[in-house]
Every structure is written in C-alpha cells, then in structure tokens.
C-alpha atoms as a PDB file:
ATOM      1  CA  UNK A   1      -9.793-152.657 -75.614  1.00  0.00           C
ATOM      2  CA  UNK A   2      -8.693-155.745 -77.483  1.00  0.00           C
ATOM      3  CA  UNK A   3     -10.296-157.217 -80.659  1.00  0.00           C
ATOM      4  CA  UNK A   4     -10.879-160.936 -80.954  1.00  0.00           C
ATOM      5  CA  UNK A   5      -9.138-162.589 -83.594  1.00  0.00           C
ATOM      6  CA  UNK A   6     -11.339-164.321 -86.169  1.00  0.00           C
ATOM      7  CA  UNK A   7     -12.049-167.996 -85.622  1.00  0.00           C
ATOM      8  CA  UNK A   8      -9.892-170.507 -87.707  1.00  0.00           C
ATOM      9  CA  UNK A   9      -9.030-173.913 -87.616  1.00  0.00           C
ATOM     10  CA  UNK A  10      -5.253-175.056 -87.548  1.00  0.00           C
ATOM     11  CA  UNK A  11      -3.556-178.397 -86.983  1.00  0.00           C
ATOM     12  CA  UNK A  12      -0.785-178.012 -84.861  1.00  0.00           C
ATOM     13  CA  UNK A  13       2.286-180.201 -84.365  1.00  0.00           C
ATOM     14  CA  UNK A  14       3.454-180.651 -80.775  1.00  0.00           C
ATOM     15  CA  UNK A  15       7.304-180.953 -80.533  1.00  0.00           C
ATOM     16  CA  UNK A  16       8.222-183.724 -78.033  1.00  0.00           C
ATOM     17  CA  UNK A  17      11.667-182.469 -77.098  1.00  0.00           C
ATOM     18  CA  UNK A  18      12.572-182.884 -73.296  1.00  0.00           C
ATOM     19  CA  UNK A  19      12.478-179.603 -71.574  1.00  0.00           C
ATOM     20  CA  UNK A  20      15.762-178.270 -70.681  1.00  0.00           C
ATOM     21  CA  UNK A  21      17.072-178.306 -67.089  1.00  0.00           C
ATOM     22  CA  UNK A  22      16.222-175.675 -64.738  1.00  0.00           C
ATOM     23  CA  UNK A  23      18.748-172.775 -65.103  1.00  0.00           C
ATOM     24  CA  UNK A  24      20.136-174.272 -68.459  1.00  0.00           C
ATOM     25  CA  UNK A  25      19.552-172.159 -71.583  1.00  0.00           C
ATOM     26  CA  UNK A  26      17.517-174.085 -74.114  1.00  0.00           C
ATOM     27  CA  UNK A  27      18.738-174.722 -77.534  1.00  0.00           C
ATOM     28  CA  UNK A  28      17.152-173.072 -80.585  1.00  0.00           C
ATOM     29  CA  UNK A  29      14.942-176.327 -80.976  1.00  0.00           C
ATOM     30  CA  UNK A  30      14.123-176.793 -77.374  1.00  0.00           C
ATOM     31  CA  UNK A  31      12.872-172.830 -77.025  1.00  0.00           C
ATOM     32  CA  UNK A  32      10.786-173.446 -80.564  1.00  0.00           C
ATOM     33  CA  UNK A  33       9.405-176.739 -79.091  1.00  0.00           C
ATOM     34  CA  UNK A  34       8.593-174.694 -75.347  1.00  0.00           C
ATOM     35  CA  UNK A  35       6.893-172.076 -77.647  1.00  0.00           C
ATOM     36  CA  UNK A  36       4.721-174.357 -79.763  1.00  0.00           C
ATOM     37  CA  UNK A  37       3.543-176.288 -76.891  1.00  0.00           C
ATOM     38  CA  UNK A  38       2.412-173.010 -75.094  1.00  0.00           C
ATOM     39  CA  UNK A  39       0.611-172.147 -78.395  1.00  0.00           C
ATOM     40  CA  UNK A  40      -1.191-175.294 -78.616  1.00  0.00           C
ATOM     41  CA  UNK A  41      -2.291-174.854 -75.017  1.00  0.00           C
ATOM     42  CA  UNK A  42      -3.259-171.485 -75.542  1.00  0.00           C
ATOM     43  CA  UNK A  43      -5.403-172.078 -78.645  1.00  0.00           C
ATOM     44  CA  UNK A  44      -7.175-174.866 -76.877  1.00  0.00           C
ATOM     45  CA  UNK A  45      -7.804-172.601 -73.659  1.00  0.00           C
ATOM     46  CA  UNK A  46     -11.402-171.025 -74.623  1.00  0.00           C
ATOM     47  CA  UNK A  47     -12.516-174.277 -76.282  1.00  0.00           C
ATOM     48  CA  UNK A  48     -11.813-176.341 -73.089  1.00  0.00           C
ATOM     49  CA  UNK A  49     -13.408-173.785 -70.505  1.00  0.00           C
ATOM     50  CA  UNK A  50     -16.972-174.476 -69.278  1.00  0.00           C
ATOM     51  CA  UNK A  51     -19.666-171.930 -69.360  1.00  0.00           C
ATOM     52  CA  UNK A  52     -19.259-169.761 -66.356  1.00  0.00           C
ATOM     53  CA  UNK A  53     -19.836-166.356 -64.425  1.00  0.00           C
ATOM     54  CA  UNK A  54     -17.304-164.564 -62.256  1.00  0.00           C
ATOM     55  CA  UNK A  55     -17.228-161.313 -60.321  1.00  0.00           C
ATOM     56  CA  UNK A  56     -14.583-158.705 -61.584  1.00  0.00           C
ATOM     57  CA  UNK A  57     -13.643-155.963 -59.418  1.00  0.00           C
ATOM     58  CA  UNK A  58     -11.590-153.152 -60.540  1.00  0.00           C
ATOM     59  CA  UNK A  59      -9.713-150.913 -58.350  1.00  0.00           C
ATOM     60  CA  UNK A  60      -9.172-147.591 -60.267  1.00  0.00           C
ATOM     61  CA  UNK A  61      -6.446-145.055 -59.248  1.00  0.00           C
ATOM     62  CA  UNK A  62      -5.267-141.623 -60.876  1.00  0.00           C
ATOM     63  CA  UNK A  63      -2.261-139.884 -60.435  1.00  0.00           C
ATOM     64  CA  UNK A  64      -3.174-136.573 -61.922  1.00  0.00           C
ATOM     65  CA  UNK A  65       0.121-134.723 -61.784  1.00  0.00           C
ATOM     66  CA  UNK A  66       2.287-137.719 -62.773  1.00  0.00           C
ATOM     67  CA  UNK A  67       4.469-137.420 -59.672  1.00  0.00           C
ATOM     68  CA  UNK A  68       4.037-140.904 -58.276  1.00  0.00           C
ATOM     69  CA  UNK A  69       1.156-139.923 -55.842  1.00  0.00           C
ATOM     70  CA  UNK A  70      -1.718-142.126 -56.464  1.00  0.00           C
ATOM     71  CA  UNK A  71      -4.958-141.324 -55.560  1.00  0.00           C
ATOM     72  CA  UNK A  72      -7.994-143.832 -54.969  1.00  0.00           C
ATOM     73  CA  UNK A  73     -10.629-142.999 -57.916  1.00  0.00           C
ATOM     74  CA  UNK A  74     -13.455-145.682 -57.459  1.00  0.00           C
ATOM     75  CA  UNK A  75     -14.194-149.140 -57.365  1.00  0.00           C
ATOM     76  CA  UNK A  76     -16.329-151.049 -60.321  1.00  0.00           C
ATOM     77  CA  UNK A  77     -18.006-154.384 -59.717  1.00  0.00           C
ATOM     78  CA  UNK A  78     -18.429-156.023 -62.983  1.00  0.00           C
ATOM     79  CA  UNK A  79     -20.228-159.558 -63.722  1.00  0.00           C
ATOM     80  CA  UNK A  80     -18.141-161.380 -66.259  1.00  0.00           C
ATOM     81  CA  UNK A  81     -19.864-163.924 -68.038  1.00  0.00           C
ATOM     82  CA  UNK A  82     -18.541-166.531 -70.466  1.00  0.00           C
ATOM     83  CA  UNK A  83     -20.880-168.340 -72.540  1.00  0.00           C
ATOM     84  CA  UNK A  84     -20.762-169.889 -76.187  1.00  0.00           C
ATOM     85  CA  UNK A  85     -16.886-168.867 -75.968  1.00  0.00           C
ATOM     86  CA  UNK A  86     -17.625-165.094 -75.626  1.00  0.00           C
ATOM     87  CA  UNK A  87     -17.125-162.794 -72.823  1.00  0.00           C
ATOM     88  CA  UNK A  88     -19.876-160.530 -71.622  1.00  0.00           C
ATOM     89  CA  UNK A  89     -19.320-157.605 -69.182  1.00  0.00           C
ATOM     90  CA  UNK A  90     -22.133-156.138 -67.152  1.00  0.00           C
ATOM     91  CA  UNK A  91     -21.240-153.352 -64.772  1.00  0.00           C
ATOM     92  CA  UNK A  92     -23.544-153.667 -61.781  1.00  0.00           C
ATOM     93  CA  UNK A  93     -21.992-151.484 -58.909  1.00  0.00           C
ATOM     94  CA  UNK A  94     -19.967-148.288 -58.590  1.00  0.00           C
ATOM     95  CA  UNK A  95     -18.401-147.820 -55.066  1.00  0.00           C
ATOM     96  CA  UNK A  96     -21.240-150.196 -53.725  1.00  0.00           C
ATOM     97  CA  UNK A  97     -24.113-148.604 -55.391  1.00  0.00           C
ATOM     98  CA  UNK A  98     -26.025-149.940 -58.258  1.00  0.00           C
ATOM     99  CA  UNK A  99     -25.684-148.436 -61.675  1.00  0.00           C
ATOM    100  CA  UNK A 100     -26.969-148.683 -65.384  1.00  0.00           C
ATOM    101  CA  UNK A 101     -23.827-147.445 -66.875  1.00  0.00           C
ATOM    102  CA  UNK A 102     -22.230-149.125 -69.628  1.00  0.00           C
ATOM    103  CA  UNK A 103     -18.922-150.747 -68.401  1.00  0.00           C
ATOM    104  CA  UNK A 104     -16.730-148.937 -71.166  1.00  0.00           C
ATOM    105  CA  UNK A 105     -18.453-145.539 -70.665  1.00  0.00           C
ATOM    106  CA  UNK A 106     -17.689-145.001 -66.910  1.00  0.00           C
ATOM    107  CA  UNK A 107     -15.772-141.585 -67.246  1.00  0.00           C
ATOM    108  CA  UNK A 108     -12.614-143.231 -66.683  1.00  0.00           C
ATOM    109  CA  UNK A 109     -10.016-145.783 -67.838  1.00  0.00           C
ATOM    110  CA  UNK A 110     -11.590-149.323 -68.566  1.00  0.00           C
ATOM    111  CA  UNK A 111     -10.533-152.326 -70.850  1.00  0.00           C
ATOM    112  CA  UNK A 112     -11.419-155.608 -71.844  1.00  0.00           C
ATOM    113  CA  UNK A 113      -9.781-158.996 -73.222  1.00  0.00           C
ATOM    114  CA  UNK A 114      -7.549-159.885 -70.066  1.00  0.00           C
ATOM    115  CA  UNK A 115      -9.506-162.766 -69.597  1.00  0.00           C
ATOM    116  CA  UNK A 116      -9.166-164.887 -73.312  1.00  0.00           C
ATOM    117  CA  UNK A 117      -8.348-162.403 -75.770  1.00  0.00           C
ATOM    118  CA  UNK A 118      -4.866-161.562 -74.669  1.00  0.00           C
ATOM    119  CA  UNK A 119      -3.496-165.177 -75.240  1.00  0.00           C
ATOM    120  CA  UNK A 120      -4.978-165.151 -78.806  1.00  0.00           C
ATOM    121  CA  UNK A 121      -3.407-161.939 -79.521  1.00  0.00           C
ATOM    122  CA  UNK A 122      -0.259-163.527 -78.289  1.00  0.00           C
ATOM    123  CA  UNK A 123      -0.234-166.950 -80.006  1.00  0.00           C
ATOM    124  CA  UNK A 124      -2.492-167.151 -82.773  1.00  0.00           C
ATOM    125  CA  UNK A 125      -0.711-168.037 -86.078  1.00  0.00           C
ATOM    126  CA  UNK A 126      -2.153-165.083 -87.774  1.00  0.00           C
ATOM    127  CA  UNK A 127      -0.313-162.722 -85.762  1.00  0.00           C
ATOM    128  CA  UNK A 128       3.104-164.064 -86.261  1.00  0.00           C
ATOM    129  CA  UNK A 129       4.687-163.068 -82.998  1.00  0.00           C
ATOM    130  CA  UNK A 130       8.191-163.007 -82.908  1.00  0.00           C
ATOM    131  CA  UNK A 131       9.558-164.940 -79.764  1.00  0.00           C
ATOM    132  CA  UNK A 132      12.973-164.582 -78.071  1.00  0.00           C
ATOM    133  CA  UNK A 133      14.131-166.731 -75.182  1.00  0.00           C
ATOM    134  CA  UNK A 134      14.829-164.585 -72.054  1.00  0.00           C
ATOM    135  CA  UNK A 135      15.365-167.019 -68.834  1.00  0.00           C
ATOM    136  CA  UNK A 136      13.900-169.157 -66.061  1.00  0.00           C
ATOM    137  CA  UNK A 137      11.790-167.812 -63.150  1.00  0.00           C
ATOM    138  CA  UNK A 138       9.619-168.943 -60.207  1.00  0.00           C
ATOM    139  CA  UNK A 139       6.355-168.251 -60.099  1.00  0.00           C
ATOM    140  CA  UNK A 140       4.186-169.693 -56.884  1.00  0.00           C
ATOM    141  CA  UNK A 141       7.013-171.853 -56.329  1.00  0.00           C
ATOM    142  CA  UNK A 142       6.666-173.242 -60.231  1.00  0.00           C
ATOM    143  CA  UNK A 143       9.588-173.122 -62.467  1.00  0.00           C
ATOM    144  CA  UNK A 144       8.454-171.093 -65.641  1.00  0.00           C
ATOM    145  CA  UNK A 145      10.125-170.459 -69.062  1.00  0.00           C
ATOM    146  CA  UNK A 146       9.976-166.638 -69.948  1.00  0.00           C
ATOM    147  CA  UNK A 147      10.066-165.307 -73.397  1.00  0.00           C
ATOM    148  CA  UNK A 148      10.088-161.787 -74.582  1.00  0.00           C
ATOM    149  CA  UNK A 149       7.816-161.169 -77.831  1.00  0.00           C
ATOM    150  CA  UNK A 150       6.880-158.244 -80.085  1.00  0.00           C
ATOM    151  CA  UNK A 151       3.922-158.158 -82.923  1.00  0.00           C
ATOM    152  CA  UNK A 152       4.262-155.396 -85.486  1.00  0.00           C
ATOM    153  CA  UNK A 153       1.581-153.283 -86.886  1.00  0.00           C
ATOM    154  CA  UNK A 154       0.766-155.169 -89.892  1.00  0.00           C
ATOM    155  CA  UNK A 155      -0.403-158.195 -87.743  1.00  0.00           C
ATOM    156  CA  UNK A 156      -1.685-156.355 -84.499  1.00  0.00           C
ATOM    157  CA  UNK A 157      -5.173-156.471 -83.523  1.00  0.00           C
ATOM    158  CA  UNK A 158      -4.585-154.398 -80.324  1.00  0.00           C
ATOM    159  CA  UNK A 159      -6.823-151.297 -80.109  1.00  0.00           C
ATOM    160  CA  UNK A 160      -6.249-148.490 -78.030  1.00  0.00           C
ATOM    161  CA  UNK A 161      -9.321-145.806 -77.586  1.00  0.00           C
ATOM    162  CA  UNK A 162      -9.121-142.246 -76.229  1.00  0.00           C
ATOM    163  CA  UNK A 163     -12.695-141.195 -75.620  1.00  0.00           C
ATOM    164  CA  UNK A 164     -15.996-142.778 -76.140  1.00  0.00           C
ATOM    165  CA  UNK A 165     -16.330-142.721 -80.138  1.00  0.00           C
ATOM    166  CA  UNK A 166     -14.852-145.705 -82.084  1.00  0.00           C
ATOM    167  CA  UNK A 167     -13.665-145.657 -85.582  1.00  0.00           C
ATOM    168  CA  UNK A 168     -12.056-142.447 -85.633  1.00  0.00           C
ATOM    169  CA  UNK A 169      -8.830-140.801 -85.131  1.00  0.00           C
ATOM    170  CA  UNK A 170      -8.778-141.621 -81.352  1.00  0.00           C
ATOM    171  CA  UNK A 171      -9.213-145.407 -82.284  1.00  0.00           C
ATOM    172  CA  UNK A 172      -6.141-146.984 -83.555  1.00  0.00           C
ATOM    173  CA  UNK A 173      -4.453-150.282 -83.994  1.00  0.00           C
ATOM    174  CA  UNK A 174      -1.153-150.286 -82.564  1.00  0.00           C
ATOM    175  CA  UNK A 175       1.996-152.971 -82.442  1.00  0.00           C
ATOM    176  CA  UNK A 176       3.115-154.217 -78.976  1.00  0.00           C
ATOM    177  CA  UNK A 177       5.668-156.334 -77.005  1.00  0.00           C
ATOM    178  CA  UNK A 178       5.879-157.854 -73.485  1.00  0.00           C
ATOM    179  CA  UNK A 179       7.048-160.901 -71.961  1.00  0.00           C
ATOM    180  CA  UNK A 180       4.907-164.353 -71.231  1.00  0.00           C
ATOM    181  CA  UNK A 181       5.798-166.928 -68.540  1.00  0.00           C
ATOM    182  CA  UNK A 182       4.559-170.308 -68.652  1.00  0.00           C
ATOM    183  CA  UNK A 183       5.021-174.096 -67.323  1.00  0.00           C
ATOM    184  CA  UNK A 184       7.608-175.716 -69.779  1.00  0.00           C
ATOM    185  CA  UNK A 185       5.897-179.137 -69.091  1.00  0.00           C
ATOM    186  CA  UNK A 186       2.500-178.095 -70.025  1.00  0.00           C
ATOM    187  CA  UNK A 187       2.332-174.861 -71.822  1.00  0.00           C
ATOM    188  CA  UNK A 188       0.037-173.184 -69.223  1.00  0.00           C
ATOM    189  CA  UNK A 189       0.677-169.512 -69.261  1.00  0.00           C
ATOM    190  CA  UNK A 190       1.133-167.982 -65.734  1.00  0.00           C
ATOM    191  CA  UNK A 191       1.936-164.365 -66.435  1.00  0.00           C
ATOM    192  CA  UNK A 192       1.763-162.235 -69.661  1.00  0.00           C
ATOM    193  CA  UNK A 193       2.690-158.723 -70.003  1.00  0.00           C
ATOM    194  CA  UNK A 194       1.773-156.289 -72.959  1.00  0.00           C
ATOM    195  CA  UNK A 195       2.800-152.800 -73.810  1.00  0.00           C
ATOM    196  CA  UNK A 196       1.818-150.714 -76.833  1.00  0.00           C
ATOM    197  CA  UNK A 197       4.017-148.859 -79.119  1.00  0.00           C
ATOM    198  CA  UNK A 198       1.842-145.400 -79.523  1.00  0.00           C
ATOM    199  CA  UNK A 199       2.497-142.670 -82.060  1.00  0.00           C
ATOM    200  CA  UNK A 200       3.914-139.537 -80.805  1.00  0.00           C
ATOM    201  CA  UNK A 201       0.977-137.529 -81.581  1.00  0.00           C
ATOM    202  CA  UNK A 202      -1.420-139.720 -79.973  1.00  0.00           C
ATOM    203  CA  UNK A 203      -3.166-138.429 -77.088  1.00  0.00           C
ATOM    204  CA  UNK A 204      -2.370-141.715 -74.976  1.00  0.00           C
ATOM    205  CA  UNK A 205       1.379-141.818 -74.206  1.00  0.00           C
ATOM    206  CA  UNK A 206       1.380-145.038 -72.458  1.00  0.00           C
ATOM    207  CA  UNK A 207      -0.886-148.293 -72.354  1.00  0.00           C
ATOM    208  CA  UNK A 208       0.252-151.562 -70.706  1.00  0.00           C
ATOM    209  CA  UNK A 209      -0.968-154.359 -68.737  1.00  0.00           C
ATOM    210  CA  UNK A 210      -0.117-157.572 -66.834  1.00  0.00           C
ATOM    211  CA  UNK A 211      -2.478-160.447 -66.295  1.00  0.00           C
ATOM    212  CA  UNK A 212      -1.742-163.357 -63.876  1.00  0.00           C
ATOM    213  CA  UNK A 213      -3.107-166.839 -64.255  1.00  0.00           C
ATOM    214  CA  UNK A 214      -3.421-169.442 -61.512  1.00  0.00           C
ATOM    215  CA  UNK A 215      -5.523-172.585 -61.115  1.00  0.00           C
ATOM    216  CA  UNK A 216      -9.386-172.247 -59.987  1.00  0.00           C
ATOM    217  CA  UNK A 217     -12.025-174.580 -59.249  1.00  0.00           C
ATOM    218  CA  UNK A 218     -15.273-174.355 -61.391  1.00  0.00           C
ATOM    219  CA  UNK A 219     -18.007-176.654 -60.932  1.00  0.00           C
ATOM    220  CA  UNK A 220     -15.849-179.241 -59.337  1.00  0.00           C
ATOM    221  CA  UNK A 221     -13.182-178.906 -61.712  1.00  0.00           C
ATOM    222  CA  UNK A 222      -9.622-177.050 -61.878  1.00  0.00           C
ATOM    223  CA  UNK A 223      -9.131-174.779 -64.743  1.00  0.00           C
ATOM    224  CA  UNK A 224      -6.297-172.168 -65.333  1.00  0.00           C
ATOM    225  CA  UNK A 225      -8.199-168.650 -65.062  1.00  0.00           C
ATOM    226  CA  UNK A 226      -6.941-165.009 -64.844  1.00  0.00           C
ATOM    227  CA  UNK A 227      -6.931-164.296 -61.059  1.00  0.00           C
ATOM    228  CA  UNK A 228      -5.658-160.598 -61.134  1.00  0.00           C
ATOM    229  CA  UNK A 229      -4.487-157.862 -63.893  1.00  0.00           C
ATOM    230  CA  UNK A 230      -3.061-154.620 -63.685  1.00  0.00           C
ATOM    231  CA  UNK A 231      -3.577-151.857 -66.465  1.00  0.00           C
ATOM    232  CA  UNK A 232      -1.838-148.652 -66.944  1.00  0.00           C
ATOM    233  CA  UNK A 233      -2.481-145.727 -69.037  1.00  0.00           C
ATOM    234  CA  UNK A 234      -1.291-142.476 -69.223  1.00  0.00           C
ATOM    235  CA  UNK A 235      -1.557-138.950 -71.201  1.00  0.00           C
ATOM    236  CA  UNK A 236       1.253-136.268 -71.086  1.00  0.00           C
ATOM    237  CA  UNK A 237       0.050-135.052 -67.913  1.00  0.00           C
ATOM    238  CA  UNK A 238      -2.392-137.664 -66.164  1.00  0.00           C
ATOM    239  CA  UNK A 239      -1.821-141.254 -65.419  1.00  0.00           C
ATOM    240  CA  UNK A 240      -4.216-144.168 -64.200  1.00  0.00           C
ATOM    241  CA  UNK A 241      -3.861-147.550 -62.808  1.00  0.00           C
ATOM    242  CA  UNK A 242      -6.602-150.211 -62.730  1.00  0.00           C
ATOM    243  CA  UNK A 243      -6.121-153.047 -60.581  1.00  0.00           C
ATOM    244  CA  UNK A 244      -8.204-155.897 -61.590  1.00  0.00           C
ATOM    245  CA  UNK A 245      -9.346-158.891 -59.406  1.00  0.00           C
ATOM    246  CA  UNK A 246     -11.266-162.059 -60.680  1.00  0.00           C
ATOM    247  CA  UNK A 247     -13.010-164.255 -58.420  1.00  0.00           C
ATOM    248  CA  UNK A 248     -16.101-166.115 -57.224  1.00  0.00           C
ATOM    249  CA  UNK A 249     -15.869-168.306 -60.289  1.00  0.00           C
ATOM    250  CA  UNK A 250     -18.993-170.382 -60.743  1.00  0.00           C
ATOM    251  CA  UNK A 251     -20.753-172.297 -63.523  1.00  0.00           C
ATOM    252  CA  UNK A 252     -23.164-170.522 -65.640  1.00  0.00           C
ATOM    253  CA  UNK A 253     -26.657-171.720 -65.292  1.00  0.00           C
ATOM    254  CA  UNK A 254     -29.881-169.739 -66.205  1.00  0.00           C
ATOM    255  CA  UNK A 255     -31.251-170.283 -62.794  1.00  0.00           C
ATOM    256  CA  UNK A 256     -28.071-168.553 -61.227  1.00  0.00           C
ATOM    257  CA  UNK A 257     -28.729-166.256 -58.245  1.00  0.00           C
ATOM    258  CA  UNK A 258     -25.740-163.642 -58.600  1.00  0.00           C
ATOM    259  CA  UNK A 259     -24.520-161.897 -55.423  1.00  0.00           C
ATOM    260  CA  UNK A 260     -21.677-159.616 -54.974  1.00  0.00           C
ATOM    261  CA  UNK A 261     -19.532-159.094 -51.998  1.00  0.00           C
ATOM    262  CA  UNK A 262     -19.623-155.429 -50.639  1.00  0.00           C
END
C-alpha cells in the first residue's frame, strides 16, 4: 500500500532541448531535460483528470510452495472512483458474488496506489529520486525513453504491511528502485516498475509491481490512464501474484448506475 505525498506547489522549468534520435544515447543535458519533461507531466497528471469511475478486476494467484506452480486464488471486482483528486476503493464482488468485506482485508494480498500515487512517489521533488539513463524501447509501436531509478529510505513513502494491523512492526516504510518508460516528446509515462528493498528480518521477502498506461476515452476525451498492473509479493515459503485490469472508465456523476461484467 502506498501513502500519498502531501500536496505542495512547485514551479517547474521545462527544458526545451531537442530529443535525441532513436538509438542515440542522450547527453547528460538531454537526459536531464527528458526527466524534467516527464516530471512536469506526472505532477500535472492528477490535476488534469476528470472525476470518474472505473472497474478494477484483480485476479489473484498463489504459489504456496514457491516452485513456480501457480494456482488461481480468486477474482476481486472493485469499484475505483476518482473524485476531488482522491482515489476510493470499494470491493463489490469476490468470484462474482456480492460482498461487504473491506478491499484491504480480504485474507489475501491487496494493494493500492497503482492508479496515481505511484507517479507521485517517483517524480515528486520531495522524494529526490535518483534517475539514470538506461536506453530506448518500443511500447505499443511507440518509441519510449527508459530510465532506471532508486529512492532511499530517508525520502521514501512506500509502505509495506504484513497483516491487517498498521502502525506496528509489521508495517514499514522501505526504499525502492525500478524503471520508468515514457514518451520523450510529451513525457507521458507508459510503464513503471517498482521493487521494495526489504529488511532481512521482515516477514515479506519480496514486494514488487509494474503498471502499464495507455490512452483511454473518458467522457468523450482521451486521457492517459492505467490499463493493467501486476503485483508480486512473497514470504520465505509462499508467493502471490495479482494481475489487475482497469476497464470501463466513465465520468463520475451522482446519478450514475454502476454495473459489473461477470
């Protein structure tokens, strides 16, 4: 689960250096300009989005012996609403059956923040992320710049929790690292991965995730939004994988009637 970075105002200067040619390694100044372009886009991301609702479908799998033999655990259907620049998660079905359980307390692995918080934890100036150029890649026929990154413990807001009780020894803030791929011309992020650096004596031995973004229509306009995510967690003897689909984006209105595909 991720904690949101507090709201602050920052004046950002966008460097207008030309993007390096595909396959060409950018200079230090060009690489810095690319990151600043992505930072500006990411910090404007939440503010530019309309209020909306989408369906989040979480397919949960387990590998109880950590031998690579995955078993289907269950499927969660979640109503994810975004209003007033805040995310709200409501679990409505488990395996197609209505439920009143809280999304974060379903006796299995859950996560929040893949929608918007992840980008803040990567690009917010207070986080002081260290970026390094890695190379070029192609995502859905689009050229994307790839940077590796890391965030130290002193600036991290990445929370990993074991069990239902927070604010205890099983609830910790950890450093993390990963990769981010974005369009060099606009700074639009297409993919982000994140890997926690966990203490050796902590019950969870692995916590990582990857989010894919694509352009999606909401209320007649196109926005860059998450379309899928994969979350991996493991103890010394047990491993889980959550595959998350984000779909059915629509504008939030008080009279909206919500239905879920089976």
